Amino acid sequence: MLPEDPALSFINYLLEDFGDEWVTKYMFHYRWYFDEDADNASTVLPLSDLAVNMAADTLKEVKKYIYDRQHGRLWVVGSNDTTAALIDSSYKRFVN
């Protein structure tokens, strides 16, 4: 539902765009930038999406596939050593 008032409609657009284009950077950055988090995400995601009783050798293969694919896409969302501090400080300002 979009507000009829032009000013509210514009604010609605800004909030939606910020969430879609910037807040997703937080999620992706914190899930895939740090090794410990990326290891956890690439383990948990296949188990939650596919099967919690997956064979260990299958999990190892799927985990590697997911890790390689997602970690390799960090550049797409702009998460790297140069931007990590900016994303982190932006997130902290956002949640405070």
PDB file of N, CA and C in Angstrom:
ATOM      1  N   MET A   1       0.843  -1.148   0.000  1.00  0.00           N
ATOM      2  CA  MET A   1       0.000   0.000   0.000  1.00  0.00           C
ATOM      3  C   MET A   1       0.905   1.232   0.000  1.00  0.00           C
ATOM      4  N   LEU A   2       0.703   2.089  -0.957  1.00  0.00           N
ATOM      5  CA  LEU A   2       1.477   3.315  -1.051  1.00  0.00           C
ATOM      6  C   LEU A   2       0.666   4.492  -0.538  1.00  0.00           C
ATOM      7  N   PRO A   3       1.296   5.356   0.236  1.00  0.00           N
ATOM      8  CA  PRO A   3       0.580   6.544   0.730  1.00  0.00           C
ATOM      9  C   PRO A   3       0.160   7.448  -0.433  1.00  0.00           C
ATOM     10  N   GLU A   4      -0.994   8.040  -0.294  1.00  0.00           N
ATOM     11  CA  GLU A   4      -1.464   8.966  -1.327  1.00  0.00           C
ATOM     12  C   GLU A   4      -0.760  10.315  -1.237  1.00  0.00           C
ATOM     13  N   ASP A   5      -0.397  10.707  -0.030  1.00  0.00           N
ATOM     14  CA  ASP A   5       0.302  11.970   0.161  1.00  0.00           C
ATOM     15  C   ASP A   5       1.677  11.887  -0.505  1.00  0.00           C
ATOM     16  N   PRO A   6       2.007  12.836  -1.390  1.00  0.00           N
ATOM     17  CA  PRO A   6       3.286  12.780  -2.110  1.00  0.00           C
ATOM     18  C   PRO A   6       4.506  12.770  -1.187  1.00  0.00           C
ATOM     19  N   ALA A   7       4.468  13.527  -0.103  1.00  0.00           N
ATOM     20  CA  ALA A   7       5.611  13.566   0.817  1.00  0.00           C
ATOM     21  C   ALA A   7       5.781  12.208   1.507  1.00  0.00           C
ATOM     22  N   LEU A   8       4.683  11.620   1.981  1.00  0.00           N
ATOM     23  CA  LEU A   8       4.752  10.305   2.613  1.00  0.00           C
ATOM     24  C   LEU A   8       5.143   9.229   1.614  1.00  0.00           C
ATOM     25  N   SER A   9       4.670   9.369   0.389  1.00  0.00           N
ATOM     26  CA  SER A   9       5.026   8.413  -0.654  1.00  0.00           C
ATOM     27  C   SER A   9       6.531   8.451  -0.924  1.00  0.00           C
ATOM     28  N   PHE A  10       7.102   9.658  -0.931  1.00  0.00           N
ATOM     29  CA  PHE A  10       8.535   9.799  -1.142  1.00  0.00           C
ATOM     30  C   PHE A  10       9.324   9.177   0.016  1.00  0.00           C
ATOM     31  N   ILE A  11       8.901   9.433   1.255  1.00  0.00           N
ATOM     32  CA  ILE A  11       9.556   8.836   2.424  1.00  0.00           C
ATOM     33  C   ILE A  11       9.447   7.323   2.360  1.00  0.00           C
ATOM     34  N   ASN A  12       8.292   6.824   1.966  1.00  0.00           N
ATOM     35  CA  ASN A  12       8.096   5.387   1.802  1.00  0.00           C
ATOM     36  C   ASN A  12       9.093   4.824   0.791  1.00  0.00           C
ATOM     37  N   TYR A  13       9.258   5.515  -0.315  1.00  0.00           N
ATOM     38  CA  TYR A  13      10.202   5.091  -1.348  1.00  0.00           C
ATOM     39  C   TYR A  13      11.632   5.072  -0.809  1.00  0.00           C
ATOM     40  N   LEU A  14      12.019   6.130  -0.085  1.00  0.00           N
ATOM     41  CA  LEU A  14      13.373   6.201   0.466  1.00  0.00           C
ATOM     42  C   LEU A  14      13.647   5.054   1.439  1.00  0.00           C
ATOM     43  N   LEU A  15      12.690   4.787   2.327  1.00  0.00           N
ATOM     44  CA  LEU A  15      12.866   3.702   3.295  1.00  0.00           C
ATOM     45  C   LEU A  15      12.965   2.346   2.595  1.00  0.00           C
ATOM     46  N   GLU A  16      12.114   2.125   1.618  1.00  0.00           N
ATOM     47  CA  GLU A  16      12.134   0.852   0.889  1.00  0.00           C
ATOM     48  C   GLU A  16      13.444   0.693   0.135  1.00  0.00           C
ATOM     49  N   ASP A  17      13.891   1.741  -0.509  1.00  0.00           N
ATOM     50  CA  ASP A  17      15.125   1.683  -1.279  1.00  0.00           C
ATOM     51  C   ASP A  17      16.331   1.489  -0.358  1.00  0.00           C
ATOM     52  N   PHE A  18      16.344   2.171   0.775  1.00  0.00           N
ATOM     53  CA  PHE A  18      17.429   2.011   1.743  1.00  0.00           C
ATOM     54  C   PHE A  18      17.480   0.559   2.228  1.00  0.00           C
ATOM     55  N   GLY A  19      16.336   0.014   2.561  1.00  0.00           N
ATOM     56  CA  GLY A  19      16.295  -1.377   3.012  1.00  0.00           C
ATOM     57  C   GLY A  19      16.751  -2.338   1.943  1.00  0.00           C
ATOM     58  N   ASP A  20      16.303  -2.115   0.741  1.00  0.00           N
ATOM     59  CA  ASP A  20      16.618  -3.025  -0.359  1.00  0.00           C
ATOM     60  C   ASP A  20      18.068  -2.913  -0.808  1.00  0.00           C
ATOM     61  N   GLU A  21      18.591  -1.711  -0.850  1.00  0.00           N
ATOM     62  CA  GLU A  21      19.923  -1.500  -1.419  1.00  0.00           C
ATOM     63  C   GLU A  21      21.035  -1.411  -0.385  1.00  0.00           C
ATOM     64  N   TRP A  22      20.754  -1.011   0.841  1.00  0.00           N
ATOM     65  CA  TRP A  22      21.831  -0.839   1.801  1.00  0.00           C
ATOM     66  C   TRP A  22      21.754  -1.833   2.957  1.00  0.00           C
ATOM     67  N   VAL A  23      20.576  -2.053   3.524  1.00  0.00           N
ATOM     68  CA  VAL A  23      20.454  -2.969   4.658  1.00  0.00           C
ATOM     69  C   VAL A  23      20.833  -4.392   4.243  1.00  0.00           C
ATOM     70  N   THR A  24      20.597  -4.750   3.008  1.00  0.00           N
ATOM     71  CA  THR A  24      21.030  -6.078   2.556  1.00  0.00           C
ATOM     72  C   THR A  24      22.558  -6.194   2.553  1.00  0.00           C
ATOM     73  N   LYS A  25      23.254  -5.065   2.427  1.00  0.00           N
ATOM     74  CA  LYS A  25      24.720  -5.092   2.536  1.00  0.00           C
ATOM     75  C   LYS A  25      25.136  -5.572   3.923  1.00  0.00           C
ATOM     76  N   TYR A  26      24.420  -5.110   4.958  1.00  0.00           N
ATOM     77  CA  TYR A  26      24.725  -5.551   6.316  1.00  0.00           C
ATOM     78  C   TYR A  26      24.603  -7.068   6.413  1.00  0.00           C
ATOM     79  N   MET A  27      23.470  -7.580   5.959  1.00  0.00           N
ATOM     80  CA  MET A  27      23.233  -9.024   6.043  1.00  0.00           C
ATOM     81  C   MET A  27      24.318  -9.787   5.313  1.00  0.00           C
ATOM     82  N   PHE A  28      24.589  -9.408   4.092  1.00  0.00           N
ATOM     83  CA  PHE A  28      25.557 -10.138   3.289  1.00  0.00           C
ATOM     84  C   PHE A  28      26.956 -10.003   3.885  1.00  0.00           C
ATOM     85  N   HIS A  29      27.316  -8.797   4.302  1.00  0.00           N
ATOM     86  CA  HIS A  29      28.636  -8.545   4.878  1.00  0.00           C
ATOM     87  C   HIS A  29      28.846  -9.390   6.134  1.00  0.00           C
ATOM     88  N   TYR A  30      27.896  -9.347   7.043  1.00  0.00           N
ATOM     89  CA  TYR A  30      28.068 -10.070   8.303  1.00  0.00           C
ATOM     90  C   TYR A  30      27.921 -11.577   8.142  1.00  0.00           C
ATOM     91  N   ARG A  31      27.312 -12.019   7.121  1.00  0.00           N
ATOM     92  CA  ARG A  31      27.182 -13.458   6.889  1.00  0.00           C
ATOM     93  C   ARG A  31      28.388 -14.031   6.153  1.00  0.00           C
ATOM     94  N   TRP A  32      29.014 -13.263   5.258  1.00  0.00           N
ATOM     95  CA  TRP A  32      30.044 -13.828   4.386  1.00  0.00           C
ATOM     96  C   TRP A  32      31.425 -13.199   4.474  1.00  0.00           C
ATOM     97  N   TYR A  33      31.568 -12.013   5.043  1.00  0.00           N
ATOM     98  CA  TYR A  33      32.879 -11.348   5.071  1.00  0.00           C
ATOM     99  C   TYR A  33      33.841 -11.993   6.072  1.00  0.00           C
ATOM    100  N   PHE A  34      33.369 -12.276   7.266  1.00  0.00           N
ATOM    101  CA  PHE A  34      34.216 -12.831   8.314  1.00  0.00           C
ATOM    102  C   PHE A  34      34.250 -14.351   8.193  1.00  0.00           C
ATOM    103  N   ASP A  35      35.453 -14.920   8.271  1.00  0.00           N
ATOM    104  CA  ASP A  35      35.626 -16.364   8.050  1.00  0.00           C
ATOM    105  C   ASP A  35      34.747 -17.223   8.953  1.00  0.00           C
ATOM    106  N   GLU A  36      34.693 -16.894  10.228  1.00  0.00           N
ATOM    107  CA  GLU A  36      33.894 -17.697  11.164  1.00  0.00           C
ATOM    108  C   GLU A  36      32.409 -17.653  10.799  1.00  0.00           C
ATOM    109  N   ASP A  37      31.926 -16.491  10.431  1.00  0.00           N
ATOM    110  CA  ASP A  37      30.515 -16.355  10.046  1.00  0.00           C
ATOM    111  C   ASP A  37      30.232 -17.059   8.732  1.00  0.00           C
ATOM    112  N   ALA A  38      31.142 -16.936   7.778  1.00  0.00           N
ATOM    113  CA  ALA A  38      30.966 -17.598   6.480  1.00  0.00           C
ATOM    114  C   ALA A  38      30.980 -19.116   6.645  1.00  0.00           C
ATOM    115  N   ASP A  39      31.854 -19.609   7.510  1.00  0.00           N
ATOM    116  CA  ASP A  39      31.901 -21.047   7.777  1.00  0.00           C
ATOM    117  C   ASP A  39      30.580 -21.509   8.391  1.00  0.00           C
ATOM    118  N   ASN A  40      30.074 -20.739   9.332  1.00  0.00           N
ATOM    119  CA  ASN A  40      28.797 -21.081   9.967  1.00  0.00           C
ATOM    120  C   ASN A  40      27.650 -21.045   8.962  1.00  0.00           C
ATOM    121  N   ALA A  41      27.571 -19.970   8.186  1.00  0.00           N
ATOM    122  CA  ALA A  41      26.475 -19.831   7.221  1.00  0.00           C
ATOM    123  C   ALA A  41      26.507 -20.930   6.175  1.00  0.00           C
ATOM    124  N   SER A  42      27.696 -21.266   5.699  1.00  0.00           N
ATOM    125  CA  SER A  42      27.771 -22.293   4.655  1.00  0.00           C
ATOM    126  C   SER A  42      27.504 -23.688   5.203  1.00  0.00           C
ATOM    127  N   THR A  43      27.552 -23.837   6.507  1.00  0.00           N
ATOM    128  CA  THR A  43      27.170 -25.103   7.143  1.00  0.00           C
ATOM    129  C   THR A  43      25.674 -25.148   7.414  1.00  0.00           C
ATOM    130  N   VAL A  44      25.142 -24.079   7.969  1.00  0.00           N
ATOM    131  CA  VAL A  44      23.738 -24.042   8.393  1.00  0.00           C
ATOM    132  C   VAL A  44      22.778 -23.965   7.209  1.00  0.00           C
ATOM    133  N   LEU A  45      23.103 -23.167   6.211  1.00  0.00           N
ATOM    134  CA  LEU A  45      22.173 -22.978   5.095  1.00  0.00           C
ATOM    135  C   LEU A  45      21.802 -24.266   4.366  1.00  0.00           C
ATOM    136  N   PRO A  46      22.756 -25.129   4.030  1.00  0.00           N
ATOM    137  CA  PRO A  46      22.333 -26.360   3.347  1.00  0.00           C
ATOM    138  C   PRO A  46      21.497 -27.271   4.240  1.00  0.00           C
ATOM    139  N   LEU A  47      21.771 -27.244   5.526  1.00  0.00           N
ATOM    140  CA  LEU A  47      21.004 -28.104   6.433  1.00  0.00           C
ATOM    141  C   LEU A  47      19.582 -27.597   6.611  1.00  0.00           C
ATOM    142  N   SER A  48      19.419 -26.289   6.659  1.00  0.00           N
ATOM    143  CA  SER A  48      18.072 -25.750   6.848  1.00  0.00           C
ATOM    144  C   SER A  48      17.260 -25.773   5.564  1.00  0.00           C
ATOM    145  N   ASP A  49      17.938 -25.654   4.423  1.00  0.00           N
ATOM    146  CA  ASP A  49      17.222 -25.628   3.151  1.00  0.00           C
ATOM    147  C   ASP A  49      17.024 -27.005   2.527  1.00  0.00           C
ATOM    148  N   LEU A  50      17.920 -27.925   2.790  1.00  0.00           N
ATOM    149  CA  LEU A  50      17.862 -29.216   2.098  1.00  0.00           C
ATOM    150  C   LEU A  50      17.453 -30.356   3.014  1.00  0.00           C
ATOM    151  N   ALA A  51      18.289 -30.661   4.000  1.00  0.00           N
ATOM    152  CA  ALA A  51      17.973 -31.786   4.883  1.00  0.00           C
ATOM    153  C   ALA A  51      18.888 -31.762   6.094  1.00  0.00           C
ATOM    154  N   VAL A  52      18.302 -31.848   7.278  1.00  0.00           N
ATOM    155  CA  VAL A  52      19.105 -31.818   8.493  1.00  0.00           C
ATOM    156  C   VAL A  52      19.883 -33.112   8.693  1.00  0.00           C
ATOM    157  N   ASN A  53      19.517 -34.156   7.997  1.00  0.00           N
ATOM    158  CA  ASN A  53      20.204 -35.442   8.145  1.00  0.00           C
ATOM    159  C   ASN A  53      21.098 -35.757   6.940  1.00  0.00           C
ATOM    160  N   MET A  54      21.616 -34.728   6.308  1.00  0.00           N
ATOM    161  CA  MET A  54      22.467 -34.894   5.131  1.00  0.00           C
ATOM    162  C   MET A  54      23.745 -35.652   5.521  1.00  0.00           C
ATOM    163  N   ALA A  55      24.174 -36.540   4.667  1.00  0.00           N
ATOM    164  CA  ALA A  55      25.417 -37.273   4.899  1.00  0.00           C
ATOM    165  C   ALA A  55      26.587 -36.295   4.969  1.00  0.00           C
ATOM    166  N   ALA A  56      27.562 -36.601   5.807  1.00  0.00           N
ATOM    167  CA  ALA A  56      28.692 -35.699   6.038  1.00  0.00           C
ATOM    168  C   ALA A  56      29.453 -35.362   4.758  1.00  0.00           C
ATOM    169  N   ASP A  57      29.649 -36.348   3.884  1.00  0.00           N
ATOM    170  CA  ASP A  57      30.381 -36.075   2.647  1.00  0.00           C
ATOM    171  C   ASP A  57      29.577 -35.185   1.704  1.00  0.00           C
ATOM    172  N   THR A  58      28.282 -35.370   1.695  1.00  0.00           N
ATOM    173  CA  THR A  58      27.411 -34.513   0.875  1.00  0.00           C
ATOM    174  C   THR A  58      27.407 -33.093   1.425  1.00  0.00           C
ATOM    175  N   LEU A  59      27.297 -32.966   2.745  1.00  0.00           N
ATOM    176  CA  LEU A  59      27.321 -31.647   3.379  1.00  0.00           C
ATOM    177  C   LEU A  59      28.620 -30.923   3.047  1.00  0.00           C
ATOM    178  N   LYS A  60      29.725 -31.626   3.089  1.00  0.00           N
ATOM    179  CA  LYS A  60      31.019 -31.015   2.785  1.00  0.00           C
ATOM    180  C   LYS A  60      31.027 -30.435   1.369  1.00  0.00           C
ATOM    181  N   GLU A  61      30.492 -31.176   0.415  1.00  0.00           N
ATOM    182  CA  GLU A  61      30.437 -30.710  -0.978  1.00  0.00           C
ATOM    183  C   GLU A  61      29.494 -29.511  -1.127  1.00  0.00           C
ATOM    184  N   VAL A  62      28.302 -29.616  -0.546  1.00  0.00           N
ATOM    185  CA  VAL A  62      27.312 -28.538  -0.658  1.00  0.00           C
ATOM    186  C   VAL A  62      27.810 -27.298   0.066  1.00  0.00           C
ATOM    187  N   LYS A  63      28.416 -27.495   1.227  1.00  0.00           N
ATOM    188  CA  LYS A  63      28.966 -26.374   1.986  1.00  0.00           C
ATOM    189  C   LYS A  63      30.007 -25.620   1.157  1.00  0.00           C
ATOM    190  N   LYS A  64      30.907 -26.351   0.507  1.00  0.00           N
ATOM    191  CA  LYS A  64      31.934 -25.715  -0.319  1.00  0.00           C
ATOM    192  C   LYS A  64      31.303 -24.952  -1.481  1.00  0.00           C
ATOM    193  N   TYR A  65      30.301 -25.552  -2.107  1.00  0.00           N
ATOM    194  CA  TYR A  65      29.622 -24.893  -3.226  1.00  0.00           C
ATOM    195  C   TYR A  65      28.994 -23.573  -2.764  1.00  0.00           C
ATOM    196  N   ILE A  66      28.266 -23.625  -1.650  1.00  0.00           N
ATOM    197  CA  ILE A  66      27.591 -22.424  -1.145  1.00  0.00           C
ATOM    198  C   ILE A  66      28.610 -21.377  -0.730  1.00  0.00           C
ATOM    199  N   TYR A  67      29.645 -21.798  -0.002  1.00  0.00           N
ATOM    200  CA  TYR A  67      30.673 -20.854   0.429  1.00  0.00           C
ATOM    201  C   TYR A  67      31.330 -20.177  -0.776  1.00  0.00           C
ATOM    202  N   ASP A  68      31.766 -20.970  -1.737  1.00  0.00           N
ATOM    203  CA  ASP A  68      32.435 -20.407  -2.916  1.00  0.00           C
ATOM    204  C   ASP A  68      31.543 -19.432  -3.655  1.00  0.00           C
ATOM    205  N   ARG A  69      30.287 -19.801  -3.816  1.00  0.00           N
ATOM    206  CA  ARG A  69      29.350 -18.947  -4.549  1.00  0.00           C
ATOM    207  C   ARG A  69      29.079 -17.640  -3.801  1.00  0.00           C
ATOM    208  N   GLN A  70      28.753 -17.735  -2.535  1.00  0.00           N
ATOM    209  CA  GLN A  70      28.366 -16.548  -1.771  1.00  0.00           C
ATOM    210  C   GLN A  70      29.582 -15.683  -1.408  1.00  0.00           C
ATOM    211  N   HIS A  71      30.633 -16.276  -0.935  1.00  0.00           N
ATOM    212  CA  HIS A  71      31.820 -15.513  -0.571  1.00  0.00           C
ATOM    213  C   HIS A  71      32.403 -14.843  -1.812  1.00  0.00           C
ATOM    214  N   GLY A  72      32.321 -15.526  -2.919  1.00  0.00           N
ATOM    215  CA  GLY A  72      32.804 -14.966  -4.177  1.00  0.00           C
ATOM    216  C   GLY A  72      31.974 -13.801  -4.696  1.00  0.00           C
ATOM    217  N   ARG A  73      30.804 -13.594  -4.103  1.00  0.00           N
ATOM    218  CA  ARG A  73      29.930 -12.493  -4.530  1.00  0.00           C
ATOM    219  C   ARG A  73      30.039 -11.272  -3.616  1.00  0.00           C
ATOM    220  N   LEU A  74      30.926 -11.300  -2.641  1.00  0.00           N
ATOM    221  CA  LEU A  74      31.073 -10.144  -1.754  1.00  0.00           C
ATOM    222  C   LEU A  74      31.309  -8.858  -2.537  1.00  0.00           C
ATOM    223  N   TRP A  75      32.067  -8.948  -3.612  1.00  0.00           N
ATOM    224  CA  TRP A  75      32.363  -7.749  -4.409  1.00  0.00           C
ATOM    225  C   TRP A  75      31.098  -7.156  -5.014  1.00  0.00           C
ATOM    226  N   VAL A  76      30.096  -7.993  -5.265  1.00  0.00           N
ATOM    227  CA  VAL A  76      28.848  -7.509  -5.878  1.00  0.00           C
ATOM    228  C   VAL A  76      28.142  -6.529  -4.941  1.00  0.00           C
ATOM    229  N   VAL A  77      28.154  -6.822  -3.645  1.00  0.00           N
ATOM    230  CA  VAL A  77      27.491  -5.936  -2.691  1.00  0.00           C
ATOM    231  C   VAL A  77      28.436  -4.891  -2.113  1.00  0.00           C
ATOM    232  N   GLY A  78      29.686  -4.911  -2.566  1.00  0.00           N
ATOM    233  CA  GLY A  78      30.627  -3.889  -2.133  1.00  0.00           C
ATOM    234  C   GLY A  78      31.271  -4.162  -0.790  1.00  0.00           C
ATOM    235  N   SER A  79      31.272  -5.398  -0.341  1.00  0.00           N
ATOM    236  CA  SER A  79      31.904  -5.744   0.925  1.00  0.00           C
ATOM    237  C   SER A  79      33.313  -6.247   0.653  1.00  0.00           C
ATOM    238  N   ASN A  80      34.296  -5.505   1.171  1.00  0.00           N
ATOM    239  CA  ASN A  80      35.702  -5.886   0.996  1.00  0.00           C
ATOM    240  C   ASN A  80      36.513  -5.232   2.100  1.00  0.00           C
ATOM    241  N   ASP A  81      37.816  -5.432   2.085  1.00  0.00           N
ATOM    242  CA  ASP A  81      38.669  -4.875   3.133  1.00  0.00           C
ATOM    243  C   ASP A  81      38.600  -3.350   3.188  1.00  0.00           C
ATOM    244  N   THR A  82      38.392  -2.714   2.068  1.00  0.00           N
ATOM    245  CA  THR A  82      38.322  -1.253   2.019  1.00  0.00           C
ATOM    246  C   THR A  82      37.008  -0.728   2.602  1.00  0.00           C
ATOM    247  N   THR A  83      35.911  -1.431   2.365  1.00  0.00           N
ATOM    248  CA  THR A  83      34.591  -0.942   2.780  1.00  0.00           C
ATOM    249  C   THR A  83      34.079  -1.552   4.084  1.00  0.00           C
ATOM    250  N   ALA A  84      34.774  -2.537   4.642  1.00  0.00           N
ATOM    251  CA  ALA A  84      34.282  -3.238   5.838  1.00  0.00           C
ATOM    252  C   ALA A  84      34.011  -2.279   6.992  1.00  0.00           C
ATOM    253  N   ALA A  85      34.908  -1.362   7.259  1.00  0.00           N
ATOM    254  CA  ALA A  85      34.715  -0.423   8.371  1.00  0.00           C
ATOM    255  C   ALA A  85      33.519   0.493   8.130  1.00  0.00           C
ATOM    256  N   LEU A  86      33.324   0.908   6.896  1.00  0.00           N
ATOM    257  CA  LEU A  86      32.183   1.761   6.554  1.00  0.00           C
ATOM    258  C   LEU A  86      30.864   1.016   6.761  1.00  0.00           C
ATOM    259  N   ILE A  87      30.793  -0.213   6.297  1.00  0.00           N
ATOM    260  CA  ILE A  87      29.574  -1.012   6.469  1.00  0.00           C
ATOM    261  C   ILE A  87      29.308  -1.241   7.951  1.00  0.00           C
ATOM    262  N   ASP A  88      30.349  -1.561   8.705  1.00  0.00           N
ATOM    263  CA  ASP A  88      30.200  -1.799  10.133  1.00  0.00           C
ATOM    264  C   ASP A  88      29.717  -0.545  10.868  1.00  0.00           C
ATOM    265  N   SER A  89      30.327   0.592  10.601  1.00  0.00           N
ATOM    266  CA  SER A  89      29.910   1.823  11.291  1.00  0.00           C
ATOM    267  C   SER A  89      28.503   2.241  10.870  1.00  0.00           C
ATOM    268  N   SER A  90      28.163   2.028   9.613  1.00  0.00           N
ATOM    269  CA  SER A  90      26.816   2.342   9.145  1.00  0.00           C
ATOM    270  C   SER A  90      25.783   1.468   9.850  1.00  0.00           C
ATOM    271  N   TYR A  91      26.089   0.184   9.981  1.00  0.00           N
ATOM    272  CA  TYR A  91      25.183  -0.725  10.685  1.00  0.00           C
ATOM    273  C   TYR A  91      24.995  -0.299  12.137  1.00  0.00           C
ATOM    274  N   LYS A  92      26.068   0.044  12.798  1.00  0.00           N
ATOM    275  CA  LYS A  92      25.969   0.455  14.212  1.00  0.00           C
ATOM    276  C   LYS A  92      25.140   1.731  14.368  1.00  0.00           C
ATOM    277  N   ARG A  93      25.292   2.663  13.442  1.00  0.00           N
ATOM    278  CA  ARG A  93      24.451   3.879  13.486  1.00  0.00           C
ATOM    279  C   ARG A  93      22.993   3.522  13.244  1.00  0.00           C
ATOM    280  N   PHE A  94      22.759   2.604  12.324  1.00  0.00           N
ATOM    281  CA  PHE A  94      21.391   2.191  11.956  1.00  0.00           C
ATOM    282  C   PHE A  94      20.661   1.553  13.143  1.00  0.00           C
ATOM    283  N   VAL A  95      21.336   0.696  13.879  1.00  0.00           N
ATOM    284  CA  VAL A  95      20.654  -0.017  14.981  1.00  0.00           C
ATOM    285  C   VAL A  95      20.583   0.797  16.252  1.00  0.00           C
ATOM    286  N   ASN A  96      21.354   1.875  16.334  1.00  0.00           N
ATOM    287  CA  ASN A  96      21.300   2.726  17.540  1.00  0.00           C
ATOM    288  C   ASN A  96      20.253   3.733  17.382  1.00  0.00           C
TER     289      ASN A  96
END
